[in-house]
């Protein structure tokens, strides 16, 4: 983040577009989850991009149920089994003091 930019939560730029998030902004998804097929017994990572006012808290869910300890922007699924097939989602929120 450039030092001259004040009251800014996040910035992003691409080939054609730029974005600055200023002020106290609720988190929003910038890079959503994508559908995928994973080979049995392998490891995969689910990642989500989030912008807004930091710091963020995360809670991953599997078929609507919280995954214990899954509280980062990245979820690692090691040694994927058939029981791991389902719908994964994430809840991102901002800690406000």
PDB file of N, CA and C in Angstrom:
ATOM      1  N   UNK A   1       0.848  -1.164   0.000  1.00  0.00           N
ATOM      2  CA  UNK A   1       0.000   0.000   0.000  1.00  0.00           C
ATOM      3  C   UNK A   1       0.902   1.238   0.000  1.00  0.00           C
ATOM      4  N   UNK A   2       0.740   2.142  -0.940  1.00  0.00           N
ATOM      5  CA  UNK A   2       1.555   3.354  -0.946  1.00  0.00           C
ATOM      6  C   UNK A   2       1.328   4.186   0.319  1.00  0.00           C
ATOM      7  N   UNK A   3       2.397   4.728   0.886  1.00  0.00           N
ATOM      8  CA  UNK A   3       2.298   5.497   2.127  1.00  0.00           C
ATOM      9  C   UNK A   3       1.433   6.738   1.965  1.00  0.00           C
ATOM     10  N   UNK A   4       1.376   7.286   0.766  1.00  0.00           N
ATOM     11  CA  UNK A   4       0.601   8.510   0.539  1.00  0.00           C
ATOM     12  C   UNK A   4      -0.904   8.247   0.485  1.00  0.00           C
ATOM     13  N   UNK A   5      -1.301   7.007   0.402  1.00  0.00           N
ATOM     14  CA  UNK A   5      -2.719   6.649   0.343  1.00  0.00           C
ATOM     15  C   UNK A   5      -3.234   6.492   1.769  1.00  0.00           C
ATOM     16  N   UNK A   6      -4.162   7.326   2.189  1.00  0.00           N
ATOM     17  CA  UNK A   6      -4.685   7.250   3.554  1.00  0.00           C
ATOM     18  C   UNK A   6      -6.128   6.773   3.528  1.00  0.00           C
ATOM     19  N   UNK A   7      -6.554   6.176   4.643  1.00  0.00           N
ATOM     20  CA  UNK A   7      -7.928   5.683   4.797  1.00  0.00           C
ATOM     21  C   UNK A   7      -8.312   4.736   3.670  1.00  0.00           C
ATOM     22  N   UNK A   8      -7.363   3.897   3.260  1.00  0.00           N
ATOM     23  CA  UNK A   8      -7.589   2.961   2.159  1.00  0.00           C
ATOM     24  C   UNK A   8      -7.397   1.549   2.678  1.00  0.00           C
ATOM     25  N   UNK A   9      -8.369   0.680   2.413  1.00  0.00           N
ATOM     26  CA  UNK A   9      -8.330  -0.691   2.911  1.00  0.00           C
ATOM     27  C   UNK A   9      -7.595  -1.620   1.967  1.00  0.00           C
ATOM     28  N   UNK A  10      -7.725  -1.416   0.661  1.00  0.00           N
ATOM     29  CA  UNK A  10      -7.089  -2.307  -0.304  1.00  0.00           C
ATOM     30  C   UNK A  10      -7.016  -1.615  -1.648  1.00  0.00           C
ATOM     31  N   UNK A  11      -6.048  -2.048  -2.470  1.00  0.00           N
ATOM     32  CA  UNK A  11      -5.967  -1.560  -3.836  1.00  0.00           C
ATOM     33  C   UNK A  11      -5.723  -2.746  -4.758  1.00  0.00           C
ATOM     34  N   UNK A  12      -6.104  -2.612  -5.986  1.00  0.00           N
ATOM     35  CA  UNK A  12      -5.857  -3.646  -6.981  1.00  0.00           C
ATOM     36  C   UNK A  12      -5.800  -3.002  -8.344  1.00  0.00           C
ATOM     37  N   UNK A  13      -5.033  -3.592  -9.233  1.00  0.00           N
ATOM     38  CA  UNK A  13      -4.917  -3.040 -10.580  1.00  0.00           C
ATOM     39  C   UNK A  13      -4.761  -4.171 -11.573  1.00  0.00           C
ATOM     40  N   UNK A  14      -5.237  -3.933 -12.754  1.00  0.00           N
ATOM     41  CA  UNK A  14      -5.102  -4.886 -13.844  1.00  0.00           C
ATOM     42  C   UNK A  14      -4.672  -4.158 -15.096  1.00  0.00           C
ATOM     43  N   UNK A  15      -4.754  -4.820 -16.199  1.00  0.00           N
ATOM     44  CA  UNK A  15      -4.334  -4.253 -17.470  1.00  0.00           C
ATOM     45  C   UNK A  15      -5.160  -3.021 -17.830  1.00  0.00           C
ATOM     46  N   UNK A  16      -6.473  -3.061 -17.558  1.00  0.00           N
ATOM     47  CA  UNK A  16      -7.361  -1.975 -17.950  1.00  0.00           C
ATOM     48  C   UNK A  16      -7.974  -1.271 -16.742  1.00  0.00           C
ATOM     49  N   UNK A  17      -8.174  -1.966 -15.627  1.00  0.00           N
ATOM     50  CA  UNK A  17      -8.929  -1.430 -14.501  1.00  0.00           C
ATOM     51  C   UNK A  17      -8.065  -1.292 -13.257  1.00  0.00           C
ATOM     52  N   UNK A  18      -8.448  -0.337 -12.407  1.00  0.00           N
ATOM     53  CA  UNK A  18      -7.843  -0.161 -11.092  1.00  0.00           C
ATOM     54  C   UNK A  18      -8.959  -0.017 -10.074  1.00  0.00           C
ATOM     55  N   UNK A  19      -8.657  -0.347  -8.812  1.00  0.00           N
ATOM     56  CA  UNK A  19      -9.659  -0.298  -7.765  1.00  0.00           C
ATOM     57  C   UNK A  19      -8.986   0.097  -6.460  1.00  0.00           C
ATOM     58  N   UNK A  20      -9.602   0.999  -5.722  1.00  0.00           N
ATOM     59  CA  UNK A  20      -9.164   1.337  -4.367  1.00  0.00           C
ATOM     60  C   UNK A  20     -10.373   1.236  -3.458  1.00  0.00           C
ATOM     61  N   UNK A  21     -10.200   0.597  -2.314  1.00  0.00           N
ATOM     62  CA  UNK A  21     -11.276   0.468  -1.331  1.00  0.00           C
ATOM     63  C   UNK A  21     -10.921   1.400  -0.179  1.00  0.00           C
ATOM     64  N   UNK A  22     -11.735   2.428   0.011  1.00  0.00           N
ATOM     65  CA  UNK A  22     -11.439   3.442   1.016  1.00  0.00           C
ATOM     66  C   UNK A  22     -12.421   3.348   2.176  1.00  0.00           C
ATOM     67  N   UNK A  23     -11.944   3.727   3.343  1.00  0.00           N
ATOM     68  CA  UNK A  23     -12.817   3.797   4.503  1.00  0.00           C
ATOM     69  C   UNK A  23     -13.076   2.451   5.145  1.00  0.00           C
ATOM     70  N   UNK A  24     -14.151   2.389   5.912  1.00  0.00           N
ATOM     71  CA  UNK A  24     -14.545   1.194   6.644  1.00  0.00           C
ATOM     72  C   UNK A  24     -15.484   0.383   5.751  1.00  0.00           C
ATOM     73  N   UNK A  25     -14.954  -0.638   5.092  1.00  0.00           N
ATOM     74  CA  UNK A  25     -15.707  -1.386   4.088  1.00  0.00           C
ATOM     75  C   UNK A  25     -15.853  -2.838   4.524  1.00  0.00           C
ATOM     76  N   UNK A  26     -17.076  -3.359   4.477  1.00  0.00           N
ATOM     77  CA  UNK A  26     -17.297  -4.774   4.767  1.00  0.00           C
ATOM     78  C   UNK A  26     -16.532  -5.619   3.759  1.00  0.00           C
ATOM     79  N   UNK A  27     -16.075  -6.807   4.161  1.00  0.00           N
ATOM     80  CA  UNK A  27     -15.322  -7.646   3.238  1.00  0.00           C
ATOM     81  C   UNK A  27     -16.163  -8.064   2.037  1.00  0.00           C
ATOM     82  N   UNK A  28     -15.516  -8.184   0.899  1.00  0.00           N
ATOM     83  CA  UNK A  28     -16.176  -8.702  -0.288  1.00  0.00           C
ATOM     84  C   UNK A  28     -15.202  -9.580  -1.056  1.00  0.00           C
ATOM     85  N   UNK A  29     -15.750 -10.555  -1.751  1.00  0.00           N
ATOM     86  CA  UNK A  29     -14.957 -11.548  -2.481  1.00  0.00           C
ATOM     87  C   UNK A  29     -14.431 -10.937  -3.777  1.00  0.00           C
ATOM     88  N   UNK A  30     -13.124 -11.020  -3.977  1.00  0.00           N
ATOM     89  CA  UNK A  30     -12.513 -10.522  -5.214  1.00  0.00           C
ATOM     90  C   UNK A  30     -12.100 -11.664  -6.139  1.00  0.00           C
ATOM     91  N   UNK A  31     -11.878 -12.837  -5.589  1.00  0.00           N
ATOM     92  CA  UNK A  31     -11.521 -14.023  -6.374  1.00  0.00           C
ATOM     93  C   UNK A  31     -12.331 -15.190  -5.817  1.00  0.00           C
ATOM     94  N   UNK A  32     -13.465 -15.516  -6.442  1.00  0.00           N
ATOM     95  CA  UNK A  32     -14.347 -16.545  -5.894  1.00  0.00           C
ATOM     96  C   UNK A  32     -13.783 -17.955  -6.052  1.00  0.00           C
ATOM     97  N   UNK A  33     -14.368 -18.871  -5.306  1.00  0.00           N
ATOM     98  CA  UNK A  33     -14.028 -20.283  -5.444  1.00  0.00           C
ATOM     99  C   UNK A  33     -14.464 -20.778  -6.817  1.00  0.00           C
ATOM    100  N   UNK A  34     -13.743 -21.752  -7.338  1.00  0.00           N
ATOM    101  CA  UNK A  34     -14.094 -22.335  -8.634  1.00  0.00           C
ATOM    102  C   UNK A  34     -14.388 -23.818  -8.453  1.00  0.00           C
ATOM    103  N   UNK A  35     -15.306 -24.343  -9.273  1.00  0.00           N
ATOM    104  CA  UNK A  35     -15.581 -25.778  -9.245  1.00  0.00           C
ATOM    105  C   UNK A  35     -14.335 -26.532  -9.669  1.00  0.00           C
ATOM    106  N   UNK A  36     -14.107 -27.673  -9.075  1.00  0.00           N
ATOM    107  CA  UNK A  36     -12.929 -28.457  -9.450  1.00  0.00           C
ATOM    108  C   UNK A  36     -13.166 -29.931  -9.200  1.00  0.00           C
ATOM    109  N   UNK A  37     -12.411 -30.730  -9.911  1.00  0.00           N
ATOM    110  CA  UNK A  37     -12.367 -32.170  -9.713  1.00  0.00           C
ATOM    111  C   UNK A  37     -10.962 -32.497  -9.218  1.00  0.00           C
ATOM    112  N   UNK A  38     -10.890 -33.287  -8.154  1.00  0.00           N
ATOM    113  CA  UNK A  38      -9.619 -33.596  -7.517  1.00  0.00           C
ATOM    114  C   UNK A  38      -9.420 -35.102  -7.534  1.00  0.00           C
ATOM    115  N   UNK A  39      -8.205 -35.543  -7.795  1.00  0.00           N
ATOM    116  CA  UNK A  39      -7.891 -36.968  -7.803  1.00  0.00           C
ATOM    117  C   UNK A  39      -7.879 -37.531  -6.380  1.00  0.00           C
ATOM    118  N   UNK A  40      -8.430 -38.716  -6.224  1.00  0.00           N
ATOM    119  CA  UNK A  40      -8.472 -39.446  -4.961  1.00  0.00           C
ATOM    120  C   UNK A  40      -7.063 -39.550  -4.375  1.00  0.00           C
ATOM    121  N   UNK A  41      -6.921 -39.227  -3.085  1.00  0.00           N
ATOM    122  CA  UNK A  41      -5.647 -39.381  -2.385  1.00  0.00           C
ATOM    123  C   UNK A  41      -4.682 -38.219  -2.557  1.00  0.00           C
ATOM    124  N   UNK A  42      -5.037 -37.196  -3.335  1.00  0.00           N
ATOM    125  CA  UNK A  42      -4.136 -36.066  -3.542  1.00  0.00           C
ATOM    126  C   UNK A  42      -4.455 -34.937  -2.559  1.00  0.00           C
ATOM    127  N   UNK A  43      -3.672 -33.883  -2.631  1.00  0.00           N
ATOM    128  CA  UNK A  43      -3.882 -32.686  -1.823  1.00  0.00           C
ATOM    129  C   UNK A  43      -4.338 -31.561  -2.735  1.00  0.00           C
ATOM    130  N   UNK A  44      -5.283 -30.775  -2.258  1.00  0.00           N
ATOM    131  CA  UNK A  44      -5.727 -29.598  -3.002  1.00  0.00           C
ATOM    132  C   UNK A  44      -5.910 -28.445  -2.031  1.00  0.00           C
ATOM    133  N   UNK A  45      -5.890 -27.239  -2.568  1.00  0.00           N
ATOM    134  CA  UNK A  45      -6.065 -26.038  -1.761  1.00  0.00           C
ATOM    135  C   UNK A  45      -7.207 -25.224  -2.343  1.00  0.00           C
ATOM    136  N   UNK A  46      -8.087 -24.762  -1.479  1.00  0.00           N
ATOM    137  CA  UNK A  46      -9.162 -23.856  -1.869  1.00  0.00           C
ATOM    138  C   UNK A  46      -8.766 -22.469  -1.372  1.00  0.00           C
ATOM    139  N   UNK A  47      -8.804 -21.497  -2.282  1.00  0.00           N
ATOM    140  CA  UNK A  47      -8.399 -20.135  -1.940  1.00  0.00           C
ATOM    141  C   UNK A  47      -9.512 -19.163  -2.290  1.00  0.00           C
ATOM    142  N   UNK A  48      -9.614 -18.110  -1.504  1.00  0.00           N
ATOM    143  CA  UNK A  48     -10.566 -17.052  -1.801  1.00  0.00           C
ATOM    144  C   UNK A  48      -9.852 -15.717  -1.641  1.00  0.00           C
ATOM    145  N   UNK A  49     -10.114 -14.797  -2.565  1.00  0.00           N
ATOM    146  CA  UNK A  49      -9.574 -13.447  -2.458  1.00  0.00           C
ATOM    147  C   UNK A  49     -10.610 -12.543  -1.813  1.00  0.00           C
ATOM    148  N   UNK A  50     -10.170 -11.730  -0.849  1.00  0.00           N
ATOM    149  CA  UNK A  50     -11.081 -10.852  -0.112  1.00  0.00           C
ATOM    150  C   UNK A  50     -10.460  -9.467  -0.027  1.00  0.00           C
ATOM    151  N   UNK A  51     -11.296  -8.436  -0.165  1.00  0.00           N
ATOM    152  CA  UNK A  51     -10.867  -7.051   0.046  1.00  0.00           C
ATOM    153  C   UNK A  51     -11.854  -6.400   0.997  1.00  0.00           C
ATOM    154  N   UNK A  52     -11.462  -5.277   1.551  1.00  0.00           N
ATOM    155  CA  UNK A  52     -12.293  -4.551   2.500  1.00  0.00           C
ATOM    156  C   UNK A  52     -11.447  -4.107   3.669  1.00  0.00           C
ATOM    157  N   UNK A  53     -12.086  -3.683   4.732  1.00  0.00           N
ATOM    158  CA  UNK A  53     -11.365  -3.218   5.918  1.00  0.00           C
ATOM    159  C   UNK A  53     -10.829  -4.410   6.702  1.00  0.00           C
ATOM    160  N   UNK A  54      -9.546  -4.386   6.979  1.00  0.00           N
ATOM    161  CA  UNK A  54      -8.905  -5.475   7.702  1.00  0.00           C
ATOM    162  C   UNK A  54      -8.853  -5.151   9.187  1.00  0.00           C
ATOM    163  N   UNK A  55      -8.604  -6.120  10.051  1.00  0.00           N
ATOM    164  CA  UNK A  55      -8.280  -7.518   9.757  1.00  0.00           C
ATOM    165  C   UNK A  55      -9.532  -8.344   9.488  1.00  0.00           C
ATOM    166  N   UNK A  56      -9.342  -9.436   8.732  1.00  0.00           N
ATOM    167  CA  UNK A  56     -10.435 -10.336   8.381  1.00  0.00           C
ATOM    168  C   UNK A  56     -10.435 -11.553   9.291  1.00  0.00           C
ATOM    169  N   UNK A  57     -11.611 -12.134   9.446  1.00  0.00           N
ATOM    170  CA  UNK A  57     -11.727 -13.462  10.040  1.00  0.00           C
ATOM    171  C   UNK A  57     -12.396 -14.350   8.997  1.00  0.00           C
ATOM    172  N   UNK A  58     -12.053 -15.628   9.014  1.00  0.00           N
ATOM    173  CA  UNK A  58     -12.575 -16.578   8.037  1.00  0.00           C
ATOM    174  C   UNK A  58     -13.107 -17.811   8.743  1.00  0.00           C
ATOM    175  N   UNK A  59     -14.145 -18.405   8.165  1.00  0.00           N
ATOM    176  CA  UNK A  59     -14.633 -19.706   8.627  1.00  0.00           C
ATOM    177  C   UNK A  59     -15.079 -20.500   7.406  1.00  0.00           C
ATOM    178  N   UNK A  60     -14.347 -21.593   7.119  1.00  0.00           N
ATOM    179  CA  UNK A  60     -14.723 -22.489   6.025  1.00  0.00           C
ATOM    180  C   UNK A  60     -15.839 -23.405   6.485  1.00  0.00           C
ATOM    181  N   UNK A  61     -16.714 -23.750   5.557  1.00  0.00           N
ATOM    182  CA  UNK A  61     -17.830 -24.665   5.820  1.00  0.00           C
ATOM    183  C   UNK A  61     -17.831 -25.773   4.774  1.00  0.00           C
ATOM    184  N   UNK A  62     -18.279 -26.942   5.191  1.00  0.00           N
ATOM    185  CA  UNK A  62     -18.452 -28.087   4.293  1.00  0.00           C
ATOM    186  C   UNK A  62     -19.905 -28.509   4.394  1.00  0.00           C
ATOM    187  N   UNK A  63     -20.608 -28.423   3.285  1.00  0.00           N
ATOM    188  CA  UNK A  63     -22.051 -28.711   3.243  1.00  0.00           C
ATOM    189  C   UNK A  63     -22.802 -27.968   4.354  1.00  0.00           C
ATOM    190  N   UNK A  64     -22.410 -26.694   4.588  1.00  0.00           N
ATOM    191  CA  UNK A  64     -23.102 -25.837   5.546  1.00  0.00           C
ATOM    192  C   UNK A  64     -22.634 -25.939   6.981  1.00  0.00           C
ATOM    193  N   UNK A  65     -21.713 -26.849   7.281  1.00  0.00           N
ATOM    194  CA  UNK A  65     -21.233 -27.051   8.654  1.00  0.00           C
ATOM    195  C   UNK A  65     -19.817 -26.508   8.790  1.00  0.00           C
ATOM    196  N   UNK A  66     -19.561 -25.751   9.882  1.00  0.00           N
ATOM    197  CA  UNK A  66     -18.220 -25.216  10.124  1.00  0.00           C
ATOM    198  C   UNK A  66     -17.186 -26.335  10.156  1.00  0.00           C
ATOM    199  N   UNK A  67     -16.050 -26.097   9.509  1.00  0.00           N
ATOM    200  CA  UNK A  67     -14.911 -27.008   9.594  1.00  0.00           C
ATOM    201  C   UNK A  67     -14.023 -26.527  10.738  1.00  0.00           C
ATOM    202  N   UNK A  68     -13.864 -27.323  11.797  1.00  0.00           N
ATOM    203  CA  UNK A  68     -13.067 -26.903  12.953  1.00  0.00           C
ATOM    204  C   UNK A  68     -11.641 -26.528  12.543  1.00  0.00           C
ATOM    205  N   UNK A  69     -11.184 -25.367  13.007  1.00  0.00           N
ATOM    206  CA  UNK A  69      -9.818 -24.925  12.749  1.00  0.00           C
ATOM    207  C   UNK A  69      -9.586 -24.362  11.355  1.00  0.00           C
ATOM    208  N   UNK A  70     -10.591 -24.358  10.505  1.00  0.00           N
ATOM    209  CA  UNK A  70     -10.442 -23.856   9.131  1.00  0.00           C
ATOM    210  C   UNK A  70     -10.787 -22.376   9.115  1.00  0.00           C
ATOM    211  N   UNK A  71      -9.828 -21.554   9.557  1.00  0.00           N
ATOM    212  CA  UNK A  71     -10.094 -20.127   9.768  1.00  0.00           C
ATOM    213  C   UNK A  71      -9.090 -19.234   9.044  1.00  0.00           C
ATOM    214  N   UNK A  72      -8.642 -19.670   7.871  1.00  0.00           N
ATOM    215  CA  UNK A  72      -7.728 -18.886   7.039  1.00  0.00           C
ATOM    216  C   UNK A  72      -8.338 -18.695   5.657  1.00  0.00           C
ATOM    217  N   UNK A  73      -7.725 -17.834   4.853  1.00  0.00           N
ATOM    218  CA  UNK A  73      -8.208 -17.604   3.487  1.00  0.00           C
ATOM    219  C   UNK A  73      -7.941 -18.805   2.581  1.00  0.00           C
ATOM    220  N   UNK A  74      -7.074 -19.722   3.031  1.00  0.00           N
ATOM    221  CA  UNK A  74      -6.742 -20.918   2.254  1.00  0.00           C
ATOM    222  C   UNK A  74      -7.121 -22.150   3.066  1.00  0.00           C
ATOM    223  N   UNK A  75      -7.804 -23.087   2.413  1.00  0.00           N
ATOM    224  CA  UNK A  75      -8.161 -24.364   3.042  1.00  0.00           C
ATOM    225  C   UNK A  75      -7.401 -25.471   2.334  1.00  0.00           C
ATOM    226  N   UNK A  76      -6.607 -26.230   3.087  1.00  0.00           N
ATOM    227  CA  UNK A  76      -5.872 -27.368   2.524  1.00  0.00           C
ATOM    228  C   UNK A  76      -6.647 -28.645   2.804  1.00  0.00           C
ATOM    229  N   UNK A  77      -6.905 -29.392   1.758  1.00  0.00           N
ATOM    230  CA  UNK A  77      -7.531 -30.711   1.882  1.00  0.00           C
ATOM    231  C   UNK A  77      -6.475 -31.729   1.501  1.00  0.00           C
ATOM    232  N   UNK A  78      -5.996 -32.466   2.491  1.00  0.00           N
ATOM    233  CA  UNK A  78      -4.917 -33.429   2.300  1.00  0.00           C
ATOM    234  C   UNK A  78      -5.493 -34.832   2.172  1.00  0.00           C
ATOM    235  N   UNK A  79      -4.939 -35.641   1.267  1.00  0.00           N
ATOM    236  CA  UNK A  79      -5.360 -37.027   1.085  1.00  0.00           C
ATOM    237  C   UNK A  79      -6.875 -37.098   0.845  1.00  0.00           C
ATOM    238  N   UNK A  80      -7.327 -36.409  -0.191  1.00  0.00           N
ATOM    239  CA  UNK A  80      -8.757 -36.287  -0.494  1.00  0.00           C
ATOM    240  C   UNK A  80      -9.394 -37.662  -0.682  1.00  0.00           C
ATOM    241  N   UNK A  81     -10.534 -37.841  -0.004  1.00  0.00           N
ATOM    242  CA  UNK A  81     -11.292 -39.087  -0.054  1.00  0.00           C
ATOM    243  C   UNK A  81     -12.678 -38.815  -0.647  1.00  0.00           C
ATOM    244  N   UNK A  82     -13.419 -39.866  -0.941  1.00  0.00           N
ATOM    245  CA  UNK A  82     -14.753 -39.706  -1.509  1.00  0.00           C
ATOM    246  C   UNK A  82     -15.668 -38.918  -0.582  1.00  0.00           C
ATOM    247  N   UNK A  83     -15.495 -39.079   0.737  1.00  0.00           N
ATOM    248  CA  UNK A  83     -16.321 -38.353   1.709  1.00  0.00           C
ATOM    249  C   UNK A  83     -16.073 -36.843   1.687  1.00  0.00           C
ATOM    250  N   UNK A  84     -14.985 -36.405   1.046  1.00  0.00           N
ATOM    251  CA  UNK A  84     -14.667 -34.981   0.969  1.00  0.00           C
ATOM    252  C   UNK A  84     -15.417 -34.274  -0.152  1.00  0.00           C
ATOM    253  N   UNK A  85     -16.122 -35.023  -0.989  1.00  0.00           N
ATOM    254  CA  UNK A  85     -16.894 -34.412  -2.072  1.00  0.00           C
ATOM    255  C   UNK A  85     -18.098 -33.702  -1.479  1.00  0.00           C
ATOM    256  N   UNK A  86     -18.341 -32.468  -1.916  1.00  0.00           N
ATOM    257  CA  UNK A  86     -19.475 -31.703  -1.412  1.00  0.00           C
ATOM    258  C   UNK A  86     -19.311 -30.235  -1.703  1.00  0.00           C
ATOM    259  N   UNK A  87     -20.099 -29.440  -1.020  1.00  0.00           N
ATOM    260  CA  UNK A  87     -20.106 -27.990  -1.240  1.00  0.00           C
ATOM    261  C   UNK A  87     -19.286 -27.305  -0.146  1.00  0.00           C
ATOM    262  N   UNK A  88     -18.237 -26.598  -0.571  1.00  0.00           N
ATOM    263  CA  UNK A  88     -17.401 -25.825   0.341  1.00  0.00           C
ATOM    264  C   UNK A  88     -17.758 -24.352   0.192  1.00  0.00           C
ATOM    265  N   UNK A  89     -17.793 -23.655   1.316  1.00  0.00           N
ATOM    266  CA  UNK A  89     -18.061 -22.220   1.295  1.00  0.00           C
ATOM    267  C   UNK A  89     -17.223 -21.567   2.389  1.00  0.00           C
ATOM    268  N   UNK A  90     -17.138 -20.254   2.331  1.00  0.00           N
ATOM    269  CA  UNK A  90     -16.365 -19.530   3.341  1.00  0.00           C
ATOM    270  C   UNK A  90     -17.140 -18.290   3.769  1.00  0.00           C
ATOM    271  N   UNK A  91     -17.075 -17.986   5.055  1.00  0.00           N
ATOM    272  CA  UNK A  91     -17.639 -16.768   5.608  1.00  0.00           C
ATOM    273  C   UNK A  91     -16.463 -15.869   5.967  1.00  0.00           C
ATOM    274  N   UNK A  92     -16.408 -14.691   5.365  1.00  0.00           N
ATOM    275  CA  UNK A  92     -15.360 -13.712   5.668  1.00  0.00           C
ATOM    276  C   UNK A  92     -16.013 -12.532   6.357  1.00  0.00           C
ATOM    277  N   UNK A  93     -15.401 -12.076   7.436  1.00  0.00           N
ATOM    278  CA  UNK A  93     -15.919 -10.906   8.129  1.00  0.00           C
ATOM    279  C   UNK A  93     -14.746 -10.048   8.595  1.00  0.00           C
ATOM    280  N   UNK A  94     -15.043  -8.819   8.991  1.00  0.00           N
ATOM    281  CA  UNK A  94     -14.031  -7.900   9.491  1.00  0.00           C
ATOM    282  C   UNK A  94     -14.163  -7.774  10.992  1.00  0.00           C
ATOM    283  N   UNK A  95     -13.049  -7.776  11.660  1.00  0.00           N
ATOM    284  CA  UNK A  95     -13.048  -7.522  13.108  1.00  0.00           C
ATOM    285  C   UNK A  95     -13.080  -6.017  13.293  1.00  0.00           C
ATOM    286  N   UNK A  96     -14.036  -5.567  14.001  1.00  0.00           N
ATOM    287  CA  UNK A  96     -14.139  -4.124  14.277  1.00  0.00           C
ATOM    288  C   UNK A  96     -13.949  -3.907  15.777  1.00  0.00           C
ATOM    289  N   UNK A  97     -13.107  -2.924  16.106  1.00  0.00           N
ATOM    290  CA  UNK A  97     -12.855  -2.663  17.525  1.00  0.00           C
ATOM    291  C   UNK A  97     -13.567  -1.414  17.966  1.00  0.00           C
TER     292      UNK A  97
END
